Amino acid sequence: MNKGELVKAIAADAGLTQKEAGLALDAFIGAVAADLKDGNKVTIPGFGTFEVKKRAARTGINPATKEQIKIAACSVPTFKFGKSFKDQF
């Protein structure tokens, strides 16, 4: 499912126009991203949890040259599905 198909499904289920559903989806994504940037965790009961995890600096290998390279530390967004969502499958 791509974004357009998701917007159509939201519009049909919620009785909204596709434009309204698209705006709602964009607002949701923006709100989650803003909260994660602030260092907060976003939990949606019955669905899952978005959070930012820190990756430590490490040494990697360039596959083309086999030379060792240093990979800097960084923060990455992650998502973990909730138990009740997983149990649906």
C-alpha atoms as a PDB file:
ATOM      1  CA  MET A   1       0.000   0.000   0.000  1.00  0.00           C
ATOM      2  CA  ASN A   2       1.352   3.409  -0.918  1.00  0.00           C
ATOM      3  CA  LYS A   3       0.380   6.810   0.490  1.00  0.00           C
ATOM      4  CA  GLY A   4      -2.355   7.404  -2.092  1.00  0.00           C
ATOM      5  CA  GLU A   5      -3.991   4.062  -1.337  1.00  0.00           C
ATOM      6  CA  LEU A   6      -3.734   4.749   2.396  1.00  0.00           C
ATOM      7  CA  VAL A   7      -5.406   8.151   1.952  1.00  0.00           C
ATOM      8  CA  LYS A   8      -8.247   6.508  -0.020  1.00  0.00           C
ATOM      9  CA  ALA A   9      -8.720   3.875   2.697  1.00  0.00           C
ATOM     10  CA  ILE A  10      -8.756   6.495   5.474  1.00  0.00           C
ATOM     11  CA  ALA A  11     -11.234   8.620   3.503  1.00  0.00           C
ATOM     12  CA  ALA A  12     -13.567   5.658   2.953  1.00  0.00           C
ATOM     13  CA  ASP A  13     -13.420   4.429   6.571  1.00  0.00           C
ATOM     14  CA  ALA A  14     -13.756   7.860   8.199  1.00  0.00           C
ATOM     15  CA  GLY A  15     -16.267   9.374   5.780  1.00  0.00           C
ATOM     16  CA  LEU A  16     -13.859  12.136   4.736  1.00  0.00           C
ATOM     17  CA  THR A  17     -12.854  13.478   1.363  1.00  0.00           C
ATOM     18  CA  GLN A  18      -9.516  12.314   0.055  1.00  0.00           C
ATOM     19  CA  LYS A  19      -8.155  15.844   0.499  1.00  0.00           C
ATOM     20  CA  GLU A  20      -9.193  15.913   4.163  1.00  0.00           C
ATOM     21  CA  ALA A  21      -7.774  12.432   4.745  1.00  0.00           C
ATOM     22  CA  GLY A  22      -4.492  13.467   3.099  1.00  0.00           C
ATOM     23  CA  LEU A  23      -4.267  16.551   5.308  1.00  0.00           C
ATOM     24  CA  ALA A  24      -4.989  14.435   8.392  1.00  0.00           C
ATOM     25  CA  LEU A  25      -2.296  11.920   7.451  1.00  0.00           C
ATOM     26  CA  ASP A  26       0.249  14.683   6.799  1.00  0.00           C
ATOM     27  CA  ALA A  27      -0.650  16.307  10.144  1.00  0.00           C
ATOM     28  CA  PHE A  28      -0.160  12.971  11.927  1.00  0.00           C
ATOM     29  CA  ILE A  29       3.244  12.414  10.337  1.00  0.00           C
ATOM     30  CA  GLY A  30       4.297  15.983  11.137  1.00  0.00           C
ATOM     31  CA  ALA A  31       3.191  15.717  14.763  1.00  0.00           C
ATOM     32  CA  VAL A  32       5.063  12.433  15.275  1.00  0.00           C
ATOM     33  CA  ALA A  33       8.222  13.818  13.636  1.00  0.00           C
ATOM     34  CA  ALA A  34       8.101  17.015  15.727  1.00  0.00           C
ATOM     35  CA  ASP A  35       7.683  15.077  18.965  1.00  0.00           C
ATOM     36  CA  LEU A  36      10.536  12.714  18.085  1.00  0.00           C
ATOM     37  CA  LYS A  37      12.796  15.704  17.308  1.00  0.00           C
ATOM     38  CA  ASP A  38      12.037  17.012  20.793  1.00  0.00           C
ATOM     39  CA  GLY A  39      13.311  13.708  22.222  1.00  0.00           C
ATOM     40  CA  ASN A  40       9.916  12.324  23.196  1.00  0.00           C
ATOM     41  CA  LYS A  41       8.485   8.874  22.629  1.00  0.00           C
ATOM     42  CA  VAL A  42       5.116   8.602  20.822  1.00  0.00           C
ATOM     43  CA  THR A  43       2.931   5.699  21.944  1.00  0.00           C
ATOM     44  CA  ILE A  44      -0.333   4.802  20.225  1.00  0.00           C
ATOM     45  CA  PRO A  45      -2.134   2.136  22.280  1.00  0.00           C
ATOM     46  CA  GLY A  46      -3.149  -0.839  20.170  1.00  0.00           C
ATOM     47  CA  PHE A  47      -0.694   0.100  17.401  1.00  0.00           C
ATOM     48  CA  GLY A  48       2.847   0.715  18.614  1.00  0.00           C
ATOM     49  CA  THR A  49       5.599   3.094  19.712  1.00  0.00           C
ATOM     50  CA  PHE A  50       7.766   5.514  17.777  1.00  0.00           C
ATOM     51  CA  GLU A  51      11.066   6.545  19.375  1.00  0.00           C
ATOM     52  CA  VAL A  52      14.552   7.762  18.545  1.00  0.00           C
ATOM     53  CA  LYS A  53      17.483   5.470  19.312  1.00  0.00           C
ATOM     54  CA  LYS A  54      21.110   6.437  19.362  1.00  0.00           C
ATOM     55  CA  ARG A  55      23.631   4.446  17.335  1.00  0.00           C
ATOM     56  CA  ALA A  56      27.192   4.449  18.598  1.00  0.00           C
ATOM     57  CA  ALA A  57      30.137   5.244  16.360  1.00  0.00           C
ATOM     58  CA  ARG A  58      31.622   2.141  14.783  1.00  0.00           C
ATOM     59  CA  THR A  59      34.083   0.876  12.218  1.00  0.00           C
ATOM     60  CA  GLY A  60      32.771  -0.408   8.898  1.00  0.00           C
ATOM     61  CA  ILE A  61      34.290  -1.762   5.714  1.00  0.00           C
ATOM     62  CA  ASN A  62      33.951  -0.202   2.278  1.00  0.00           C
ATOM     63  CA  PRO A  63      32.850  -3.209   0.166  1.00  0.00           C
ATOM     64  CA  ALA A  64      34.452  -1.833  -2.998  1.00  0.00           C
ATOM     65  CA  THR A  65      37.940  -1.222  -1.582  1.00  0.00           C
ATOM     66  CA  LYS A  66      37.834  -3.401   1.557  1.00  0.00           C
ATOM     67  CA  GLU A  67      39.194  -0.353   3.403  1.00  0.00           C
ATOM     68  CA  GLN A  68      38.060   0.268   6.973  1.00  0.00           C
ATOM     69  CA  ILE A  69      36.034   3.423   7.482  1.00  0.00           C
ATOM     70  CA  LYS A  70      34.714   5.164  10.584  1.00  0.00           C
ATOM     71  CA  ILE A  71      30.947   5.524  10.792  1.00  0.00           C
ATOM     72  CA  ALA A  72      29.857   8.422  12.987  1.00  0.00           C
ATOM     73  CA  ALA A  73      27.355   8.124  15.821  1.00  0.00           C
ATOM     74  CA  CYS A  74      23.810   9.109  14.869  1.00  0.00           C
ATOM     75  CA  SER A  75      20.194   9.038  15.979  1.00  0.00           C
ATOM     76  CA  VAL A  76      17.619   6.998  14.057  1.00  0.00           C
ATOM     77  CA  PRO A  77      13.817   6.842  14.330  1.00  0.00           C
ATOM     78  CA  THR A  78      12.415   3.400  15.134  1.00  0.00           C
ATOM     79  CA  PHE A  79       8.981   1.833  15.441  1.00  0.00           C
ATOM     80  CA  LYS A  80       7.944  -1.148  17.537  1.00  0.00           C
ATOM     81  CA  PHE A  81       4.526  -2.721  17.010  1.00  0.00           C
ATOM     82  CA  GLY A  82       2.371  -3.220  20.084  1.00  0.00           C
ATOM     83  CA  LYS A  83       1.376  -6.666  21.306  1.00  0.00           C
ATOM     84  CA  SER A  84      -2.332  -6.260  20.523  1.00  0.00           C
ATOM     85  CA  PHE A  85      -1.509  -5.232  16.942  1.00  0.00           C
ATOM     86  CA  LYS A  86       0.830  -8.218  16.470  1.00  0.00           C
ATOM     87  CA  ASP A  87      -1.793 -10.584  17.849  1.00  0.00           C
ATOM     88  CA  GLN A  88      -4.115  -9.722  14.927  1.00  0.00           C
ATOM     89  CA  PHE A  89      -1.932 -11.767  12.614  1.00  0.00           C
END
